[in-house]
Amino acid sequence: MTDEADKGPKIIFDDIGSYPLPAGMSRDKLPSGSSYLALVEDALSQKIEAGVERPTYPQFRDMIKMFMDPIEDPKKSDSPYVVKAEHARILELEALESLGKEMEREGKRLQARVCVTGPIELYLSRFGATDYADVLENLAISVAKFLEEAKKGRHFDLAVASIDEPSLGISPNVIFSDDQISKTLEIAALPCAGVDCEVHLHSPLLAELCSGVQGINVIGVESAGNPDYLKLVDRKVLEDNDAYIRVGIARTDINALVARLNDRLETNLWLDVGRLEREVFAAESAELMEKRLAEAVRLFGDRVRYAGPDCGLGSWPSQKMAARCLTNCAKAISTFRSRQKT
């Protein structure tokens, strides 16, 4: 994949992961085997066609179960909550291998973003507001093993490793100290030498703490739906830690977005798919996305390294709408790059 970002401002277009299933398909009854991998590969192709430069495999499966199932399986673990290396394989990476192989025939190399549910998020799913530090660190070791295996891709490069911690800074159940959180994330990020390692957050409250974690150099902030979040991150702290920021330039909270439109228009857009799409993209235009990116760059300068949708697009009504959101992001970033060159 050609990295246009290397020719201009160092802002790269990536996505967070989740994506809608094809019409009529349910997450409760996903196909298996090659049929499932074909589904994943098709979604990846849609992302790349839309212009995503660091595509993430689509998270069609549950973000907790897909990691905790092997971690908790005694036959697949070395010790409690420490998965064996040979079982720390993300199934969806097989689709990345297949797509990457096709791209190699065209003289391209797939640069992928691989997300792993973070150790704190995994811990909360099982233990809630408790503080078993040894279990937390074991989960961090398992996360590191998944990332280590992802680096072994033959037909794609792990360009961005993402540790997804949506509850960090939000959930009152996180009762670990800042030092323990830092230590845990450092363990999880150990395999990331030589690649960008992002912590994906839904709140910026611990962004500065995360920027100081060894091995993590990118902080993801959902700034399209929550513009004030950017004001809670200190550029100097990022600079002092040689860390960067990933900014959201497209809202992905589709239910809240449509609810606001319904109130303003005094209608129910969910009953008219065609009008729903028109109104959503009138509100979330490429021009607005570019303005959001420009504001982030005004605040953080060259500390902005990645841009794309706030979070995943799995809750969106259709793959068509999700792909259009990504296309608008691509247009916004491309236009911004062009303006920067003039």
Protein backbone atom coordinates (compact mmCIF):
# COMPACT_ATOMS: atom_id res chain seq x y z
CA MET A 1 0.00 0.00 0.00
CA THR A 2 1.39 3.37 -0.98
CA ASP A 3 1.88 5.61 2.03
CA GLU A 4 0.98 9.06 0.75
CA ALA A 5 1.47 10.43 4.24
CA ASP A 6 5.21 9.94 3.87
CA LYS A 7 5.20 12.43 0.97
CA GLY A 8 3.49 15.19 2.91
CA PRO A 9 2.46 15.97 6.46
CA LYS A 10 3.00 12.97 8.69
CA ILE A 11 -0.69 12.31 9.27
CA ILE A 12 -1.81 8.78 8.43
CA PHE A 13 -5.39 7.62 7.90
CA ASP A 14 -6.31 4.60 10.00
CA ASP A 15 -9.50 3.15 11.43
CA ILE A 16 -10.29 1.65 14.83
CA GLY A 17 -11.73 -1.67 13.74
CA SER A 18 -15.36 -2.70 14.09
CA TYR A 19 -17.47 -2.67 10.94
CA PRO A 20 -21.08 -3.55 10.06
CA LEU A 21 -21.88 -7.04 8.87
CA PRO A 22 -23.55 -7.53 5.47
CA ALA A 23 -27.33 -7.10 5.46
CA GLY A 24 -29.22 -9.96 7.05
CA MET A 25 -26.24 -11.32 8.98
CA SER A 26 -26.11 -11.46 12.78
CA ARG A 27 -23.12 -11.35 15.12
CA ASP A 28 -24.80 -14.13 17.07
CA LYS A 29 -24.63 -16.45 14.06
CA LEU A 30 -21.39 -15.72 12.27
CA PRO A 31 -20.19 -18.18 9.62
CA SER A 32 -17.11 -20.23 10.38
CA GLY A 33 -13.94 -21.32 8.63
CA SER A 34 -13.20 -19.98 5.18
CA SER A 35 -16.63 -18.33 4.94
CA TYR A 36 -15.87 -16.18 7.95
CA LEU A 37 -12.41 -15.27 6.69
CA ALA A 38 -13.90 -14.27 3.33
CA LEU A 39 -16.26 -11.96 5.22
CA VAL A 40 -13.32 -10.37 7.05
CA GLU A 41 -11.25 -10.02 3.89
CA ASP A 42 -14.11 -8.34 2.04
CA ALA A 43 -14.54 -5.77 4.81
CA LEU A 44 -10.79 -5.10 4.80
CA SER A 45 -10.93 -4.58 1.05
CA GLN A 46 -13.77 -2.09 1.49
CA LYS A 47 -11.69 -0.14 3.99
CA ILE A 48 -8.69 -0.03 1.69
CA GLU A 49 -10.85 0.96 -1.29
CA ALA A 50 -12.25 3.81 0.83
CA GLY A 51 -8.70 5.07 1.34
CA VAL A 52 -7.72 3.73 4.77
CA GLU A 53 -3.93 3.55 4.89
CA ARG A 54 -3.58 1.49 8.06
CA PRO A 55 -6.68 -0.73 8.03
CA THR A 56 -7.66 -2.69 11.14
CA TYR A 57 -9.24 -6.11 10.82
CA PRO A 58 -13.03 -5.77 11.30
CA GLN A 59 -14.06 -6.75 14.82
CA PHE A 60 -17.05 -8.88 13.99
CA ARG A 61 -16.44 -11.04 17.07
CA ASP A 62 -16.84 -9.99 20.70
CA MET A 63 -13.76 -8.00 21.74
CA ILE A 64 -13.60 -9.76 25.12
CA LYS A 65 -14.43 -13.34 24.18
CA MET A 66 -12.07 -13.52 21.22
CA PHE A 67 -9.13 -13.05 23.58
CA MET A 68 -10.42 -14.42 26.87
CA ASP A 69 -11.57 -17.74 25.39
CA PRO A 70 -8.02 -18.92 24.63
CA ILE A 71 -6.56 -17.14 27.68
CA GLU A 72 -8.95 -18.96 30.03
CA ASP A 73 -8.67 -22.35 28.31
CA PRO A 74 -6.40 -24.55 30.50
CA LYS A 75 -5.26 -26.44 27.41
CA LYS A 76 -4.14 -23.21 25.76
CA SER A 77 -2.47 -21.52 28.72
CA ASP A 78 0.90 -21.86 30.44
CA SER A 79 -0.46 -20.64 33.78
CA PRO A 80 -3.61 -18.83 34.92
CA TYR A 81 -4.40 -16.04 32.43
CA VAL A 82 -1.14 -16.51 30.50
CA VAL A 83 -1.90 -17.88 27.04
CA LYS A 84 0.58 -20.12 25.26
CA ALA A 85 2.37 -18.38 22.40
CA GLU A 86 1.09 -20.88 19.81
CA HIS A 87 -2.50 -20.05 20.79
CA ALA A 88 -2.03 -16.26 20.87
CA ARG A 89 -3.12 -16.00 17.28
CA ILE A 90 -5.87 -13.66 16.12
CA LEU A 91 -7.99 -15.58 13.61
CA GLU A 92 -8.69 -12.50 11.51
CA LEU A 93 -4.99 -12.14 10.69
CA GLU A 94 -5.39 -15.04 8.27
CA ALA A 95 -7.57 -12.71 6.18
CA LEU A 96 -4.83 -10.08 6.38
CA GLU A 97 -2.35 -12.67 5.10
CA SER A 98 -4.62 -13.57 2.19
CA LEU A 99 -5.30 -9.95 1.23
CA GLY A 100 -1.64 -9.06 1.66
CA LYS A 101 -0.65 -11.89 -0.66
CA GLU A 102 -2.99 -10.52 -3.34
CA MET A 103 -1.53 -7.05 -2.92
CA GLU A 104 2.01 -8.36 -3.28
CA ARG A 105 1.12 -9.55 -6.77
CA GLU A 106 0.44 -5.89 -7.55
CA GLY A 107 3.76 -4.82 -6.05
CA LYS A 108 2.22 -3.44 -2.85
CA ARG A 109 2.80 -4.29 0.81
CA LEU A 110 -0.12 -4.21 3.23
CA GLN A 111 0.54 -1.97 6.23
CA ALA A 112 -1.94 -3.04 8.89
CA ARG A 113 -3.16 -1.83 12.25
CA VAL A 114 -3.79 -4.72 14.64
CA CYS A 115 -5.87 -4.17 17.76
CA VAL A 116 -5.84 -6.27 20.91
CA THR A 117 -8.23 -5.74 23.79
CA GLY A 118 -6.13 -4.30 26.59
CA PRO A 119 -5.34 -6.08 29.86
CA ILE A 120 -7.33 -3.64 32.00
CA GLU A 121 -10.42 -4.07 29.82
CA LEU A 122 -10.03 -7.86 29.95
CA TYR A 123 -9.56 -7.73 33.71
CA LEU A 124 -12.70 -5.66 34.27
CA SER A 125 -14.76 -8.18 32.30
CA ARG A 126 -13.96 -10.86 34.85
CA PHE A 127 -13.02 -9.19 38.12
CA GLY A 128 -14.61 -5.74 38.17
CA ALA A 129 -13.60 -3.44 41.01
CA THR A 130 -10.92 -5.65 42.56
CA ASP A 131 -7.16 -5.29 42.62
CA TYR A 132 -5.52 -8.62 41.88
CA ALA A 133 -2.34 -7.13 40.46
CA ASP A 134 -0.81 -10.53 39.64
CA VAL A 135 -3.80 -11.47 37.48
CA LEU A 136 -3.70 -8.09 35.74
CA GLU A 137 -0.01 -8.53 34.92
CA ASN A 138 -0.63 -12.04 33.62
CA LEU A 139 -3.29 -10.65 31.29
CA ALA A 140 -0.78 -8.04 30.13
CA ILE A 141 1.67 -10.84 29.31
CA SER A 142 -1.04 -12.52 27.24
CA VAL A 143 -1.79 -9.28 25.37
CA ALA A 144 1.92 -8.98 24.61
CA LYS A 145 1.92 -12.51 23.21
CA PHE A 146 -0.93 -11.68 20.82
CA LEU A 147 1.00 -8.64 19.59
CA GLU A 148 4.21 -10.66 19.28
CA GLU A 149 2.45 -13.18 17.06
CA ALA A 150 0.94 -10.38 14.97
CA LYS A 151 4.47 -9.16 14.16
CA LYS A 152 5.16 -12.46 12.41
CA GLY A 153 2.87 -11.69 9.48
CA ARG A 154 4.39 -12.95 6.24
CA HIS A 155 2.28 -10.97 3.78
CA PHE A 156 1.54 -7.87 5.83
CA ASP A 157 3.46 -5.57 8.16
CA LEU A 158 2.27 -4.75 11.65
CA ALA A 159 2.56 -0.98 11.22
CA VAL A 160 0.40 0.00 14.20
CA ALA A 161 -0.30 -2.04 17.32
CA SER A 162 -3.33 -0.87 19.29
CA ILE A 163 -4.05 -1.74 22.90
CA ASP A 164 -7.76 -1.01 23.31
CA GLU A 165 -8.68 0.35 26.75
CA PRO A 166 -12.10 2.01 26.37
CA SER A 167 -12.89 1.85 30.10
CA LEU A 168 -9.68 3.52 31.22
CA GLY A 169 -10.51 6.98 32.55
CA ILE A 170 -14.25 6.22 32.50
CA SER A 171 -15.07 3.18 34.60
CA PRO A 172 -15.13 3.56 38.40
CA ASN A 173 -14.25 -0.13 38.56
CA VAL A 174 -10.65 0.65 37.63
CA ILE A 175 -9.16 0.93 41.11
CA PHE A 176 -5.52 0.24 40.28
CA SER A 177 -2.93 2.92 41.00
CA ASP A 178 -1.39 4.97 38.23
CA ASP A 179 1.89 3.12 38.76
CA GLN A 180 0.17 -0.25 38.35
CA ILE A 181 -1.64 0.91 35.23
CA SER A 182 1.66 2.14 33.75
CA LYS A 183 3.43 -1.10 34.61
CA THR A 184 0.62 -3.17 33.09
CA LEU A 185 0.56 -1.24 29.83
CA GLU A 186 4.35 -1.37 29.62
CA ILE A 187 4.24 -5.17 29.84
CA ALA A 188 1.54 -5.34 27.14
CA ALA A 189 3.53 -3.03 24.85
CA LEU A 190 6.84 -4.91 25.12
CA PRO A 191 6.66 -6.42 21.59
CA CYS A 192 6.07 -3.01 19.98
CA ALA A 193 9.68 -2.05 19.38
CA GLY A 194 9.98 -0.72 15.86
CA VAL A 195 6.26 -0.11 15.33
CA ASP A 196 3.84 2.56 16.46
CA CYS A 197 1.99 1.42 19.58
CA GLU A 198 -1.29 3.16 20.36
CA VAL A 199 -3.48 3.00 23.43
CA HIS A 200 -7.05 3.51 22.26
CA LEU A 201 -9.03 5.44 24.87
CA HIS A 202 -12.62 6.65 25.08
CA SER A 203 -11.64 9.28 27.65
CA PRO A 204 -8.61 11.58 27.65
CA LEU A 205 -8.32 11.70 31.46
CA LEU A 206 -5.39 9.26 31.53
CA ALA A 207 -3.95 10.24 28.15
CA GLU A 208 -0.94 11.96 29.68
CA LEU A 209 -0.27 9.01 32.00
CA CYS A 210 -0.35 6.66 29.02
CA SER A 211 1.97 8.90 27.00
CA GLY A 212 4.66 8.27 29.58
CA VAL A 213 4.45 4.48 29.33
CA GLN A 214 7.52 2.95 27.76
CA GLY A 215 6.61 1.29 24.48
CA ILE A 216 3.50 3.39 23.85
CA ASN A 217 3.96 6.37 21.55
CA VAL A 218 0.45 7.15 20.25
CA ILE A 219 -2.59 8.20 22.28
CA GLY A 220 -6.00 7.80 20.67
CA VAL A 221 -8.54 10.52 21.51
CA GLU A 222 -12.19 10.54 20.39
CA SER A 223 -12.28 14.20 19.50
CA ALA A 224 -14.97 14.36 16.80
CA GLY A 225 -17.86 13.56 19.10
CA ASN A 226 -16.15 15.32 22.01
CA PRO A 227 -14.08 18.28 20.74
CA ASP A 228 -13.27 19.46 24.26
CA TYR A 229 -11.32 16.26 24.87
CA LEU A 230 -8.39 17.76 22.98
CA LYS A 231 -8.17 20.55 25.57
CA LEU A 232 -7.51 17.94 28.27
CA VAL A 233 -4.27 16.79 26.65
CA ASP A 234 -1.12 18.88 27.09
CA ARG A 235 0.98 19.15 23.96
CA LYS A 236 4.11 19.71 26.03
CA VAL A 237 3.56 16.43 27.87
CA LEU A 238 3.37 14.66 24.53
CA GLU A 239 6.54 16.40 23.37
CA ASP A 240 8.38 15.61 26.60
CA ASN A 241 7.48 11.92 26.22
CA ASP A 242 8.06 11.91 22.45
CA ALA A 243 4.49 10.73 22.06
CA TYR A 244 1.90 11.47 19.39
CA ILE A 245 -1.86 11.76 19.22
CA ARG A 246 -4.44 10.00 17.08
CA VAL A 247 -7.42 12.31 16.55
CA GLY A 248 -10.96 11.38 15.68
CA ILE A 249 -12.29 13.50 12.84
CA ALA A 250 -15.56 11.63 12.15
CA ARG A 251 -18.27 10.90 14.69
CA THR A 252 -19.16 7.24 15.01
CA ASP A 253 -21.84 7.48 17.73
CA ILE A 254 -24.52 6.97 15.09
CA ASN A 255 -27.42 6.54 17.54
CA ALA A 256 -26.73 9.85 19.29
CA LEU A 257 -26.11 11.58 15.97
CA VAL A 258 -29.40 10.38 14.47
CA ALA A 259 -31.31 11.15 17.69
CA ARG A 260 -30.15 14.75 17.45
CA LEU A 261 -31.12 14.92 13.77
CA ASN A 262 -34.54 13.42 14.56
CA ASP A 263 -35.15 16.13 17.16
CA ARG A 264 -34.10 18.89 14.80
CA LEU A 265 -36.03 17.56 11.81
CA GLU A 266 -39.02 16.33 13.85
CA THR A 267 -38.99 12.95 12.15
CA ASN A 268 -37.70 9.39 12.55
CA LEU A 269 -34.89 8.91 10.07
CA TRP A 270 -34.60 5.21 10.92
CA LEU A 271 -37.81 4.68 8.94
CA ASP A 272 -36.32 6.14 5.75
CA VAL A 273 -32.89 4.67 4.97
CA GLY A 274 -32.28 6.92 1.99
CA ARG A 275 -33.00 10.11 3.89
CA LEU A 276 -31.08 8.79 6.90
CA GLU A 277 -27.94 8.52 4.79
CA ARG A 278 -28.43 11.96 3.22
CA GLU A 279 -28.94 13.71 6.53
CA VAL A 280 -26.09 11.93 8.32
CA PHE A 281 -23.57 12.90 5.67
CA ALA A 282 -24.93 16.42 5.37
CA ALA A 283 -24.16 16.72 9.09
CA GLU A 284 -20.90 14.74 8.91
CA SER A 285 -19.36 16.14 5.73
CA ALA A 286 -15.78 15.80 4.55
CA GLU A 287 -15.44 19.57 4.95
CA LEU A 288 -16.36 19.37 8.64
CA MET A 289 -13.92 16.49 9.12
CA GLU A 290 -11.16 18.57 7.57
CA LYS A 291 -11.93 21.45 9.94
CA ARG A 292 -11.65 19.09 12.90
CA LEU A 293 -8.29 17.87 11.66
CA ALA A 294 -7.08 21.43 11.11
CA GLU A 295 -8.09 22.35 14.67
CA ALA A 296 -6.21 19.33 16.06
CA VAL A 297 -3.09 20.30 14.12
CA ARG A 298 -3.44 23.88 15.34
CA LEU A 299 -3.37 22.59 18.89
CA PHE A 300 -0.78 19.84 18.57
CA GLY A 301 1.23 20.55 15.42
CA ASP A 302 3.43 17.66 14.36
CA ARG A 303 2.27 15.65 17.39
CA VAL A 304 -0.77 14.61 15.30
CA ARG A 305 0.27 11.31 13.73
CA TYR A 306 -2.98 9.50 12.88
CA ALA A 307 -6.53 10.55 12.04
CA GLY A 308 -9.75 8.74 11.25
CA PRO A 309 -13.14 7.92 12.74
CA ASP A 310 -13.57 8.30 16.49
CA CYS A 311 -14.18 4.61 17.14
CA GLY A 312 -15.36 1.58 15.21
CA LEU A 313 -18.29 1.64 12.80
CA GLY A 314 -19.86 -1.65 13.85
CA SER A 315 -23.11 -0.02 15.03
CA TRP A 316 -23.72 1.73 11.71
CA PRO A 317 -26.77 0.65 9.67
CA SER A 318 -24.87 -0.75 6.70
CA GLN A 319 -21.48 -1.42 5.19
CA LYS A 320 -22.35 1.11 2.49
CA MET A 321 -22.73 3.91 5.04
CA ALA A 322 -19.63 2.85 6.96
CA ALA A 323 -17.57 2.85 3.77
CA ARG A 324 -18.89 6.31 2.88
CA CYS A 325 -17.82 7.61 6.29
CA LEU A 326 -14.33 6.28 5.64
CA THR A 327 -14.31 7.80 2.15
CA ASN A 328 -15.20 11.21 3.62
CA CYS A 329 -12.33 10.84 6.09
CA ALA A 330 -9.96 10.05 3.23
CA LYS A 331 -11.14 13.11 1.33
CA ALA A 332 -10.75 15.33 4.40
CA ILE A 333 -7.21 14.14 5.10
CA SER A 334 -6.18 14.40 1.45
CA THR A 335 -7.55 17.94 1.18
CA PHE A 336 -5.81 18.94 4.39
CA ARG A 337 -2.51 17.57 3.12
CA SER A 338 -2.90 19.51 -0.11
CA ARG A 339 -3.54 22.76 1.75
CA GLN A 340 -0.48 22.16 3.92
CA LYS A 341 1.72 21.94 0.85
CA THR A 342 0.60 25.29 -0.56
